[in-house]
Amino acid sequence: MHIYERLHPTAQRVFEKTHVKHINAVGTEERKNYQLNQVKKLKVNADERCIEVYYQNGEWFKYYANGTWG
């Protein structure tokens, strides 16, 4: 079971949709840092209506329902 499978199905869809866009927006080498097996922690942030995605390399992003991240 992957960590994102613990999310509510709606949050899973947001994560999946935004993660694909995020991966496709970075270069081939950088992409290795953001594969699913590099996700360290996921946290639903209800106040900001996003999912906080923490990666093994120490970086983290907010994934939003509209498919953007920041």
N, C-alpha and C. Protein backbone atom coordinates (compact mmCIF):
# COMPACT_ATOMS: atom_id res chain seq x y z
N MET A 1 0.85 -1.18 0.00
CA MET A 1 0.00 0.00 0.00
C MET A 1 0.89 1.24 0.00
N HIS A 2 0.60 2.15 -0.90
CA HIS A 2 1.34 3.41 -0.93
C HIS A 2 0.70 4.40 0.03
N ILE A 3 1.48 5.31 0.52
CA ILE A 3 1.04 6.30 1.50
C ILE A 3 -0.20 7.08 1.05
N TYR A 4 -0.30 7.36 -0.24
CA TYR A 4 -1.45 8.14 -0.71
C TYR A 4 -2.75 7.34 -0.68
N GLU A 5 -2.66 6.04 -0.59
CA GLU A 5 -3.87 5.21 -0.53
C GLU A 5 -4.60 5.37 0.81
N ARG A 6 -3.95 6.00 1.77
CA ARG A 6 -4.59 6.27 3.06
C ARG A 6 -5.47 7.51 3.01
N LEU A 7 -5.34 8.28 1.94
CA LEU A 7 -6.15 9.49 1.78
C LEU A 7 -7.58 9.13 1.39
N HIS A 8 -8.50 10.04 1.66
CA HIS A 8 -9.88 9.92 1.19
C HIS A 8 -9.83 9.84 -0.33
N PRO A 9 -10.74 9.09 -0.96
CA PRO A 9 -10.71 8.97 -2.42
C PRO A 9 -10.68 10.30 -3.18
N THR A 10 -11.36 11.31 -2.69
CA THR A 10 -11.33 12.61 -3.35
C THR A 10 -9.92 13.20 -3.27
N ALA A 11 -9.29 13.10 -2.13
CA ALA A 11 -7.93 13.61 -1.96
C ALA A 11 -6.95 12.79 -2.81
N GLN A 12 -7.20 11.50 -2.94
CA GLN A 12 -6.36 10.66 -3.81
C GLN A 12 -6.39 11.17 -5.25
N ARG A 13 -7.56 11.51 -5.72
CA ARG A 13 -7.69 12.00 -7.11
C ARG A 13 -6.95 13.33 -7.28
N VAL A 14 -7.06 14.21 -6.29
CA VAL A 14 -6.33 15.49 -6.34
C VAL A 14 -4.83 15.21 -6.39
N PHE A 15 -4.37 14.33 -5.52
CA PHE A 15 -2.95 14.01 -5.49
C PHE A 15 -2.50 13.43 -6.83
N GLU A 16 -3.21 12.44 -7.33
CA GLU A 16 -2.82 11.77 -8.57
C GLU A 16 -2.77 12.74 -9.74
N LYS A 17 -3.82 13.55 -9.90
CA LYS A 17 -3.90 14.49 -11.02
C LYS A 17 -2.76 15.52 -10.95
N THR A 18 -2.54 16.06 -9.77
CA THR A 18 -1.54 17.11 -9.62
C THR A 18 -0.13 16.52 -9.68
N HIS A 19 0.06 15.35 -9.14
CA HIS A 19 1.38 14.71 -9.17
C HIS A 19 1.82 14.47 -10.61
N VAL A 20 0.93 14.00 -11.45
CA VAL A 20 1.27 13.77 -12.86
C VAL A 20 1.71 15.08 -13.52
N LYS A 21 0.98 16.15 -13.28
CA LYS A 21 1.35 17.45 -13.85
C LYS A 21 2.70 17.91 -13.33
N HIS A 22 2.92 17.72 -12.03
CA HIS A 22 4.19 18.12 -11.40
C HIS A 22 5.35 17.35 -12.03
N ILE A 23 5.21 16.05 -12.15
CA ILE A 23 6.26 15.20 -12.73
C ILE A 23 6.55 15.61 -14.18
N ASN A 24 5.52 15.88 -14.94
CA ASN A 24 5.69 16.26 -16.34
C ASN A 24 6.30 17.64 -16.53
N ALA A 25 6.28 18.46 -15.47
CA ALA A 25 6.79 19.83 -15.57
C ALA A 25 8.29 19.94 -15.26
N VAL A 26 8.88 18.86 -14.76
CA VAL A 26 10.30 18.92 -14.39
C VAL A 26 11.12 18.07 -15.35
N GLY A 27 12.42 18.32 -15.36
CA GLY A 27 13.32 17.58 -16.24
C GLY A 27 13.49 16.13 -15.82
N THR A 28 14.07 15.36 -16.71
CA THR A 28 14.22 13.92 -16.50
C THR A 28 14.99 13.59 -15.23
N GLU A 29 16.11 14.26 -15.01
CA GLU A 29 16.91 13.98 -13.80
C GLU A 29 16.17 14.39 -12.54
N GLU A 30 15.57 15.57 -12.56
CA GLU A 30 14.86 16.08 -11.39
C GLU A 30 13.64 15.21 -11.07
N ARG A 31 13.05 14.64 -12.10
CA ARG A 31 11.86 13.80 -11.96
C ARG A 31 12.09 12.65 -10.98
N LYS A 32 13.31 12.16 -10.92
CA LYS A 32 13.64 11.04 -10.02
C LYS A 32 13.35 11.40 -8.56
N ASN A 33 13.48 12.68 -8.23
CA ASN A 33 13.25 13.13 -6.85
C ASN A 33 11.78 13.18 -6.46
N TYR A 34 10.89 13.09 -7.45
CA TYR A 34 9.47 13.29 -7.17
C TYR A 34 8.60 12.09 -7.56
N GLN A 35 9.21 10.94 -7.72
CA GLN A 35 8.45 9.72 -8.00
C GLN A 35 7.65 9.33 -6.75
N LEU A 36 6.67 8.49 -6.91
CA LEU A 36 5.84 8.08 -5.78
C LEU A 36 6.65 7.47 -4.64
N ASN A 37 7.71 6.73 -4.99
CA ASN A 37 8.50 6.10 -3.94
C ASN A 37 9.35 7.11 -3.17
N GLN A 38 9.34 8.37 -3.60
CA GLN A 38 10.08 9.42 -2.90
C GLN A 38 9.19 10.26 -1.97
N VAL A 39 7.89 9.97 -1.96
CA VAL A 39 6.98 10.69 -1.07
C VAL A 39 7.20 10.19 0.35
N LYS A 40 7.49 11.13 1.23
CA LYS A 40 7.77 10.80 2.63
C LYS A 40 6.51 10.92 3.50
N LYS A 41 5.71 11.96 3.21
CA LYS A 41 4.55 12.23 4.05
C LYS A 41 3.52 13.01 3.24
N LEU A 42 2.26 12.75 3.51
CA LEU A 42 1.15 13.50 2.93
C LEU A 42 0.29 14.03 4.07
N LYS A 43 -0.13 15.27 3.93
CA LYS A 43 -0.97 15.86 4.97
C LYS A 43 -2.06 16.69 4.30
N VAL A 44 -3.30 16.42 4.65
CA VAL A 44 -4.41 17.21 4.13
C VAL A 44 -4.48 18.50 4.94
N ASN A 45 -4.45 19.62 4.23
CA ASN A 45 -4.55 20.93 4.86
C ASN A 45 -5.93 21.49 4.51
N ALA A 46 -6.88 21.27 5.42
CA ALA A 46 -8.27 21.67 5.17
C ALA A 46 -8.42 23.18 5.08
N ASP A 47 -7.65 23.93 5.86
CA ASP A 47 -7.75 25.39 5.84
C ASP A 47 -7.39 25.97 4.48
N GLU A 48 -6.35 25.43 3.85
CA GLU A 48 -5.91 25.93 2.55
C GLU A 48 -6.44 25.08 1.40
N ARG A 49 -7.21 24.07 1.73
CA ARG A 49 -7.83 23.18 0.74
C ARG A 49 -6.78 22.61 -0.23
N CYS A 50 -5.78 21.97 0.37
CA CYS A 50 -4.71 21.39 -0.43
C CYS A 50 -4.16 20.15 0.29
N ILE A 51 -3.28 19.47 -0.40
CA ILE A 51 -2.56 18.35 0.18
C ILE A 51 -1.09 18.74 0.22
N GLU A 52 -0.50 18.68 1.39
CA GLU A 52 0.92 18.96 1.53
C GLU A 52 1.67 17.67 1.26
N VAL A 53 2.60 17.73 0.31
CA VAL A 53 3.34 16.55 -0.13
C VAL A 53 4.81 16.76 0.23
N TYR A 54 5.32 15.90 1.09
CA TYR A 54 6.71 16.00 1.57
C TYR A 54 7.53 14.89 0.91
N TYR A 55 8.66 15.27 0.34
CA TYR A 55 9.52 14.32 -0.37
C TYR A 55 10.77 14.00 0.44
N GLN A 56 11.38 12.87 0.11
CA GLN A 56 12.58 12.40 0.80
C GLN A 56 13.73 13.41 0.74
N ASN A 57 13.78 14.22 -0.33
CA ASN A 57 14.88 15.18 -0.49
C ASN A 57 14.70 16.44 0.36
N GLY A 58 13.63 16.49 1.16
CA GLY A 58 13.40 17.62 2.05
C GLY A 58 12.48 18.69 1.48
N GLU A 59 12.19 18.61 0.20
CA GLU A 59 11.28 19.58 -0.40
C GLU A 59 9.83 19.17 -0.15
N TRP A 60 8.95 20.16 -0.16
CA TRP A 60 7.53 19.87 -0.05
C TRP A 60 6.75 20.88 -0.86
N PHE A 61 5.56 20.45 -1.27
CA PHE A 61 4.70 21.25 -2.13
C PHE A 61 3.27 21.13 -1.65
N LYS A 62 2.47 22.12 -2.01
CA LYS A 62 1.03 22.07 -1.77
C LYS A 62 0.38 21.74 -3.10
N TYR A 63 -0.36 20.65 -3.13
CA TYR A 63 -1.09 20.23 -4.33
C TYR A 63 -2.55 20.65 -4.16
N TYR A 64 -3.04 21.42 -5.14
CA TYR A 64 -4.40 21.97 -5.08
C TYR A 64 -5.34 21.21 -6.02
N ALA A 65 -6.62 21.28 -5.72
CA ALA A 65 -7.64 20.56 -6.47
C ALA A 65 -7.71 20.99 -7.94
N ASN A 66 -7.25 22.20 -8.24
CA ASN A 66 -7.29 22.66 -9.64
C ASN A 66 -6.08 22.17 -10.45
N GLY A 67 -5.26 21.31 -9.84
CA GLY A 67 -4.13 20.73 -10.56
C GLY A 67 -2.85 21.53 -10.48
N THR A 68 -2.83 22.57 -9.67
CA THR A 68 -1.62 23.37 -9.51
C THR A 68 -0.90 22.98 -8.22
N TRP A 69 0.31 23.42 -8.11
CA TRP A 69 1.10 23.17 -6.91
C TRP A 69 1.98 24.36 -6.62
N GLY A 70 2.42 24.44 -5.43
CA GLY A 70 3.28 25.55 -5.06
C GLY A 70 4.02 25.29 -3.78
